């Protein structure tokens, strides 16, 4: 599949029926809220015909975000993941519903990718400088990191759906940062709908979801960020989020210096060949949690394998490469 010529464009979903779900008029009010969460920022935009309690909406958003943080953050000592880390060998630990649901989906995608994406790489992530421990300067070649990868493996995680419990075989750790942010977007959007909002855009640092449209009838446009140090002349790309989520995965935001080696935050024991590397990959899906995890999975697999995986799984994916944009067949069908 040849790259798309690098010229400015806007992706419009071929099905924009959700834009008509909520009535709108040009005299409706447009509101905006924002804040900090999960080491980044969140932002909400929404339009209404009647006055609304902005404080109540903001508090509902914050409570939703706090739910995810309290259960799935590696930095929260009482999160389900940290409690699982401390659980005795050969024991079962009850998770809260949200964390269990997210872990189920992470393990499912790990199975689909044969472990290219694996939520049990938490110890290696921590040793490489992207976890809750104090950074110690380890690199991929460190024996400690190699040992952490060797001890990991999603196959070791067993789930008991009746009790929402997770089996701890011994010294296994879990990291859900590659999927929890997308879930948080879904959770917040669910709360916004429960509050009666039908026209909104919500984003958490690279993951976003939209419904309906702006008061003037135009769709919510979300810009797919271009890696700032890519040294390539790629155009800006925007997507109209009409009942659609987008998640982007890239390795240009967080780095650690390990001697002469620079280590990026998307961690895998398999290092890609330079020719197969991509600048970023965005996945479009009606579920932001899945878009988030799939974007990481595709990025980890590289351009050739990642695109083949997207085709096989009918994923709508956009790859930013040094030569331009590549779209999967599903993305070409989904977006005009």
Protein backbone atom coordinates (compact mmCIF):
# COMPACT_ATOMS: atom_id res chain seq x y z
CA UNK A 1 0.00 0.00 0.00
CA UNK A 2 1.60 3.28 -1.09
CA UNK A 3 1.76 6.30 1.22
CA UNK A 4 -0.86 9.04 0.88
CA UNK A 5 0.67 12.25 -0.54
CA UNK A 6 1.50 14.69 2.28
CA UNK A 7 -1.07 17.44 1.69
CA UNK A 8 -3.44 19.09 4.20
CA UNK A 9 -6.69 17.26 4.82
CA UNK A 10 -9.52 16.66 7.28
CA UNK A 11 -10.88 13.18 7.95
CA UNK A 12 -14.68 13.09 8.01
CA UNK A 13 -16.44 9.88 9.12
CA UNK A 14 -18.56 8.45 6.33
CA UNK A 15 -21.30 7.88 8.92
CA UNK A 16 -22.08 11.16 10.67
CA UNK A 17 -25.50 10.16 11.97
CA UNK A 18 -24.38 10.91 15.55
CA UNK A 19 -24.02 14.58 14.58
CA UNK A 20 -27.81 14.65 14.28
CA UNK A 21 -28.39 12.89 17.60
CA UNK A 22 -28.55 16.11 19.56
CA UNK A 23 -30.48 19.11 18.31
CA UNK A 24 -28.44 22.27 17.93
CA UNK A 25 -28.82 25.93 17.05
CA UNK A 26 -26.32 28.66 16.40
CA UNK A 27 -27.49 30.56 19.50
CA UNK A 28 -26.71 27.67 21.83
CA UNK A 29 -24.01 28.26 24.40
CA UNK A 30 -20.57 26.70 24.00
CA UNK A 31 -18.86 25.79 27.28
CA UNK A 32 -15.30 24.70 28.04
CA UNK A 33 -13.72 23.10 31.09
CA UNK A 34 -10.18 21.85 31.64
CA UNK A 35 -7.79 20.55 34.27
CA UNK A 36 -4.82 18.34 35.01
CA UNK A 37 -4.86 14.56 35.35
CA UNK A 38 -2.63 11.53 34.82
CA UNK A 39 0.45 13.63 34.16
CA UNK A 40 -1.25 15.57 31.37
CA UNK A 41 -4.33 17.73 30.79
CA UNK A 42 -8.00 17.06 30.17
CA UNK A 43 -10.36 19.31 28.27
CA UNK A 44 -14.11 19.26 27.71
CA UNK A 45 -16.19 21.30 25.27
CA UNK A 46 -19.96 21.04 25.05
CA UNK A 47 -22.96 23.02 23.85
CA UNK A 48 -26.35 23.40 25.51
CA UNK A 49 -29.62 25.22 24.93
CA UNK A 50 -30.25 25.89 28.62
CA UNK A 51 -28.04 27.11 31.48
CA UNK A 52 -26.13 24.29 33.15
CA UNK A 53 -24.33 23.81 36.45
CA UNK A 54 -20.74 23.94 35.24
CA UNK A 55 -19.41 23.15 38.69
CA UNK A 56 -21.49 19.96 38.89
CA UNK A 57 -20.30 18.87 35.43
CA UNK A 58 -16.68 19.60 36.36
CA UNK A 59 -17.01 17.63 39.59
CA UNK A 60 -18.52 14.68 37.73
CA UNK A 61 -15.57 14.70 35.32
CA UNK A 62 -13.05 14.88 38.16
CA UNK A 63 -14.77 12.07 40.06
CA UNK A 64 -14.65 9.86 36.96
CA UNK A 65 -10.96 10.57 36.47
CA UNK A 66 -10.25 9.97 40.16
CA UNK A 67 -11.98 6.58 39.90
CA UNK A 68 -9.51 5.50 37.23
CA UNK A 69 -6.51 6.91 39.06
CA UNK A 70 -7.42 5.33 42.40
CA UNK A 71 -7.78 1.88 40.82
CA UNK A 72 -5.22 1.81 38.00
CA UNK A 73 -2.40 4.24 38.75
CA UNK A 74 1.07 2.73 39.40
CA UNK A 75 1.75 5.75 41.61
CA UNK A 76 -1.21 5.24 43.98
CA UNK A 77 -0.14 2.95 46.80
CA UNK A 78 -3.67 1.60 47.32
CA UNK A 79 -4.55 1.11 43.65
CA UNK A 80 -5.59 -2.36 42.58
CA UNK A 81 -2.34 -2.72 40.64
CA UNK A 82 -0.12 -1.85 43.60
CA UNK A 83 -2.11 -4.17 45.87
CA UNK A 84 -1.70 -6.92 43.26
CA UNK A 85 2.04 -6.28 43.21
CA UNK A 86 2.18 -6.86 46.99
CA UNK A 87 -0.14 -9.89 46.98
CA UNK A 88 1.42 -13.18 48.17
CA UNK A 89 2.43 -15.83 45.65
CA UNK A 90 -0.29 -18.29 44.67
CA UNK A 91 -3.12 -16.01 45.80
CA UNK A 92 -6.22 -14.35 44.35
CA UNK A 93 -6.91 -10.63 44.72
CA UNK A 94 -10.31 -9.01 44.17
CA UNK A 95 -10.21 -6.03 41.80
CA UNK A 96 -12.75 -3.26 41.62
CA UNK A 97 -15.10 -3.50 38.59
CA UNK A 98 -13.48 -0.79 36.47
CA UNK A 99 -9.93 -2.08 36.93
CA UNK A 100 -11.01 -5.66 36.27
CA UNK A 101 -12.79 -4.62 33.07
CA UNK A 102 -9.75 -2.73 31.78
CA UNK A 103 -7.40 -5.60 32.65
CA UNK A 104 -9.68 -8.04 30.81
CA UNK A 105 -9.42 -5.95 27.66
CA UNK A 106 -5.66 -5.48 28.00
CA UNK A 107 -5.16 -9.24 28.28
CA UNK A 108 -7.41 -9.83 25.29
CA UNK A 109 -5.29 -7.53 23.12
CA UNK A 110 -2.12 -9.13 24.48
CA UNK A 111 -3.51 -12.47 23.29
CA UNK A 112 -4.37 -11.03 19.86
CA UNK A 113 -0.86 -9.64 19.41
CA UNK A 114 0.88 -12.79 20.75
CA UNK A 115 2.43 -10.69 23.50
CA UNK A 116 3.80 -7.80 21.43
CA UNK A 117 1.50 -5.76 23.64
CA UNK A 118 1.69 -7.02 27.22
CA UNK A 119 0.38 -5.32 30.41
CA UNK A 120 2.74 -7.40 32.58
CA UNK A 121 5.84 -5.43 31.49
CA UNK A 122 5.33 -3.20 34.55
CA UNK A 123 8.59 -4.10 36.31
CA UNK A 124 10.65 -3.44 33.17
CA UNK A 125 8.79 -0.14 32.64
CA UNK A 126 9.64 0.84 36.21
CA UNK A 127 13.32 -0.12 35.87
CA UNK A 128 13.62 1.86 32.65
CA UNK A 129 12.43 4.98 34.43
CA UNK A 130 8.73 5.26 33.64
CA UNK A 131 7.19 3.83 36.80
CA UNK A 132 6.73 4.85 40.43
CA UNK A 133 10.24 3.93 41.61
CA UNK A 134 13.17 6.30 41.63
CA UNK A 135 14.96 6.07 38.30
CA UNK A 136 18.21 4.11 38.58
CA UNK A 137 19.62 4.43 35.06
CA UNK A 138 18.89 0.94 33.74
CA UNK A 139 18.88 0.29 30.00
CA UNK A 140 17.52 -2.49 27.79
CA UNK A 141 20.89 -4.22 28.04
CA UNK A 142 20.84 -4.23 31.84
CA UNK A 143 20.55 -7.70 33.34
CA UNK A 144 17.82 -6.41 35.64
CA UNK A 145 15.67 -5.28 32.72
CA UNK A 146 16.30 -8.47 30.77
CA UNK A 147 15.29 -10.47 33.84
CA UNK A 148 12.12 -8.38 34.26
CA UNK A 149 11.06 -9.08 30.68
CA UNK A 150 11.83 -12.78 31.12
CA UNK A 151 9.66 -13.00 34.25
CA UNK A 152 6.73 -11.16 32.61
CA UNK A 153 4.05 -12.80 30.53
CA UNK A 154 0.33 -12.13 30.16
CA UNK A 155 -0.27 -15.90 30.03
CA UNK A 156 0.46 -16.04 33.78
CA UNK A 157 -2.52 -13.83 34.61
CA UNK A 158 -5.69 -15.75 35.42
CA UNK A 159 -9.07 -14.11 35.95
CA UNK A 160 -12.10 -15.21 37.93
CA UNK A 161 -14.98 -13.26 36.43
CA UNK A 162 -17.51 -14.33 39.07
CA UNK A 163 -15.52 -12.70 41.88
CA UNK A 164 -13.61 -10.13 39.78
CA UNK A 165 -10.41 -11.66 41.13
CA UNK A 166 -6.94 -11.90 39.59
CA UNK A 167 -4.43 -14.66 40.28
CA UNK A 168 -0.97 -13.65 41.52
CA UNK A 169 1.51 -16.44 40.64
CA UNK A 170 4.31 -14.59 42.40
CA UNK A 171 6.17 -11.31 41.80
CA UNK A 172 4.06 -10.43 38.76
CA UNK A 173 3.29 -6.76 38.15
CA UNK A 174 0.74 -5.08 35.87
CA UNK A 175 0.78 -1.71 34.12
CA UNK A 176 -2.40 -0.37 32.48
CA UNK A 177 -1.17 3.09 31.49
CA UNK A 178 -1.49 2.16 27.80
CA UNK A 179 -5.22 1.59 28.10
CA UNK A 180 -6.51 3.31 31.27
CA UNK A 181 -6.49 6.81 29.80
CA UNK A 182 -8.72 5.70 26.95
CA UNK A 183 -11.06 4.03 29.43
CA UNK A 184 -11.16 7.29 31.40
CA UNK A 185 -12.32 9.10 28.25
CA UNK A 186 -15.11 6.56 27.80
CA UNK A 187 -16.11 6.83 31.47
CA UNK A 188 -16.26 10.62 31.41
CA UNK A 189 -18.28 10.63 28.18
CA UNK A 190 -20.71 8.16 29.73
CA UNK A 191 -21.16 10.55 32.67
CA UNK A 192 -21.67 13.51 30.31
CA UNK A 193 -24.45 11.64 28.55
CA UNK A 194 -26.03 10.74 31.89
CA UNK A 195 -26.04 14.46 32.64
CA UNK A 196 -28.06 15.01 29.45
CA UNK A 197 -25.30 16.32 27.20
CA UNK A 198 -25.49 15.22 23.56
CA UNK A 199 -22.97 17.55 21.95
CA UNK A 200 -19.48 17.34 23.40
CA UNK A 201 -15.78 16.73 22.84
CA UNK A 202 -13.63 15.32 25.63
CA UNK A 203 -9.87 14.78 25.54
CA UNK A 204 -7.12 13.52 27.82
CA UNK A 205 -3.69 14.20 26.32
CA UNK A 206 -3.90 12.42 22.97
CA UNK A 207 -7.08 10.40 23.49
CA UNK A 208 -10.40 11.99 22.57
CA UNK A 209 -14.06 11.26 21.91
CA UNK A 210 -16.80 13.37 20.41
CA UNK A 211 -20.56 13.26 19.99
CA UNK A 212 -22.95 15.51 18.12
CA UNK A 213 -21.57 18.82 16.87
CA UNK A 214 -20.89 22.44 17.69
CA UNK A 215 -23.69 25.04 17.85
CA UNK A 216 -23.05 26.08 14.24
CA UNK A 217 -23.61 22.51 13.05
CA UNK A 218 -19.96 21.79 12.25
CA UNK A 219 -18.33 18.68 13.75
CA UNK A 220 -15.88 18.64 16.60
CA UNK A 221 -12.45 18.63 14.97
CA UNK A 222 -9.49 17.04 16.69
CA UNK A 223 -5.94 17.54 15.44
CA UNK A 224 -3.62 14.54 15.30
CA UNK A 225 -0.35 15.79 16.68
CA UNK A 226 2.78 15.54 14.58
CA UNK A 227 5.95 14.54 16.45
CA UNK A 228 7.80 17.85 16.93
CA UNK A 229 11.30 16.48 16.23
CA UNK A 230 10.40 14.22 13.32
CA UNK A 231 12.36 16.31 10.78
CA UNK A 232 9.76 15.53 8.11
CA UNK A 233 7.33 17.79 6.31
CA UNK A 234 3.99 16.20 7.07
CA UNK A 235 0.71 18.14 6.91
CA UNK A 236 -1.62 18.76 9.78
CA UNK A 237 -4.36 16.16 9.94
CA UNK A 238 -7.69 16.66 11.68
CA UNK A 239 -10.50 14.20 12.28
CA UNK A 240 -14.17 14.99 12.85
CA UNK A 241 -15.19 13.10 15.97
CA UNK A 242 -18.85 12.29 15.30
CA UNK A 243 -19.58 9.41 17.68
CA UNK A 244 -15.95 8.43 17.27
CA UNK A 245 -12.85 8.07 19.46
CA UNK A 246 -9.23 8.55 18.50
CA UNK A 247 -6.09 7.52 20.36
CA UNK A 248 -2.53 8.20 19.26
CA UNK A 249 0.58 6.35 20.35
CA UNK A 250 4.10 7.69 19.88
CA UNK A 251 7.41 7.72 21.68
CA UNK A 252 8.37 11.39 21.49
CA UNK A 253 6.80 12.70 24.70
CA UNK A 254 8.66 10.83 27.45
CA UNK A 255 12.32 9.82 27.46
CA UNK A 256 14.94 8.64 29.90
CA UNK A 257 18.70 8.93 29.38
CA UNK A 258 20.55 5.71 30.17
CA UNK A 259 24.20 6.53 29.60
CA UNK A 260 24.57 6.91 25.83
CA UNK A 261 21.20 5.23 25.23
CA UNK A 262 17.93 7.14 25.07
CA UNK A 263 14.97 5.01 26.19
CA UNK A 264 11.38 5.98 25.33
CA UNK A 265 8.32 5.23 27.42
CA UNK A 266 6.57 2.68 25.16
CA UNK A 267 8.46 -0.37 26.34
CA UNK A 268 9.00 -3.70 24.60
CA UNK A 269 11.74 -6.36 24.72
CA UNK A 270 11.72 -6.43 20.90
CA UNK A 271 13.45 -3.42 19.37
CA UNK A 272 12.31 -2.45 15.88
CA UNK A 273 14.59 -2.08 12.89
CA UNK A 274 15.09 1.57 11.97
CA UNK A 275 13.41 1.06 8.59
CA UNK A 276 10.26 -0.29 10.25
CA UNK A 277 9.82 2.50 12.79
CA UNK A 278 6.86 4.83 12.64
CA UNK A 279 6.48 8.34 14.01
CA UNK A 280 3.07 7.67 15.50
CA UNK A 281 -0.08 5.66 14.96
CA UNK A 282 -3.67 6.74 15.57
CA UNK A 283 -6.59 4.35 15.91
CA UNK A 284 -10.21 5.38 15.32
CA UNK A 285 -12.82 3.35 17.19
CA UNK A 286 -16.19 3.83 18.87
CA UNK A 287 -14.51 2.71 22.14
CA UNK A 288 -11.62 4.91 23.29
CA UNK A 289 -10.24 2.28 25.66
CA UNK A 290 -9.74 -0.13 22.77
CA UNK A 291 -8.40 2.62 20.51
CA UNK A 292 -5.83 3.48 23.19
CA UNK A 293 -4.54 -0.08 23.61
CA UNK A 294 -4.61 -0.90 19.91
CA UNK A 295 -2.65 2.27 19.10
CA UNK A 296 0.11 1.13 21.46
CA UNK A 297 -0.02 -2.41 20.08
CA UNK A 298 0.32 -1.19 16.49
CA UNK A 299 3.15 1.15 17.41
CA UNK A 300 5.05 -1.65 19.11
CA UNK A 301 4.68 -3.88 16.05
CA UNK A 302 6.14 -1.34 13.63
CA UNK A 303 4.93 -0.24 10.22
CA UNK A 304 4.88 -3.51 8.31
CA UNK A 305 3.57 -5.86 11.00
CA UNK A 306 1.35 -3.18 12.54
CA UNK A 307 -0.39 -2.40 9.26
CA UNK A 308 -0.88 -6.12 8.53
CA UNK A 309 -2.36 -6.57 12.03
CA UNK A 310 -4.71 -3.62 11.50
CA UNK A 311 -5.88 -5.10 8.19
CA UNK A 312 -6.48 -8.52 9.74
CA UNK A 313 -8.41 -7.07 12.69
CA UNK A 314 -10.30 -4.49 10.60
CA UNK A 315 -8.86 -1.65 12.66
CA UNK A 316 -9.13 1.91 11.37
CA UNK A 317 -5.55 3.09 11.78
CA UNK A 318 -3.44 5.97 10.50
CA UNK A 319 0.35 5.59 10.57
CA UNK A 320 2.57 8.65 10.43
CA UNK A 321 5.83 7.68 8.76
CA UNK A 322 8.81 9.64 7.49
CA UNK A 323 7.39 9.27 3.98
CA UNK A 324 3.86 10.41 4.75
CA UNK A 325 0.62 8.85 5.97
CA UNK A 326 -0.52 5.26 5.64
CA UNK A 327 -4.14 4.27 6.25
CA UNK A 328 -5.51 0.82 6.79
CA UNK A 329 -8.36 -0.32 4.57
CA UNK A 330 -10.84 0.08 7.44
CA UNK A 331 -9.69 3.67 7.99
CA UNK A 332 -10.28 4.39 4.30
CA UNK A 333 -13.80 3.00 4.61
CA UNK A 334 -14.52 4.79 7.89
CA UNK A 335 -13.10 8.18 6.96
CA UNK A 336 -13.69 10.17 3.79
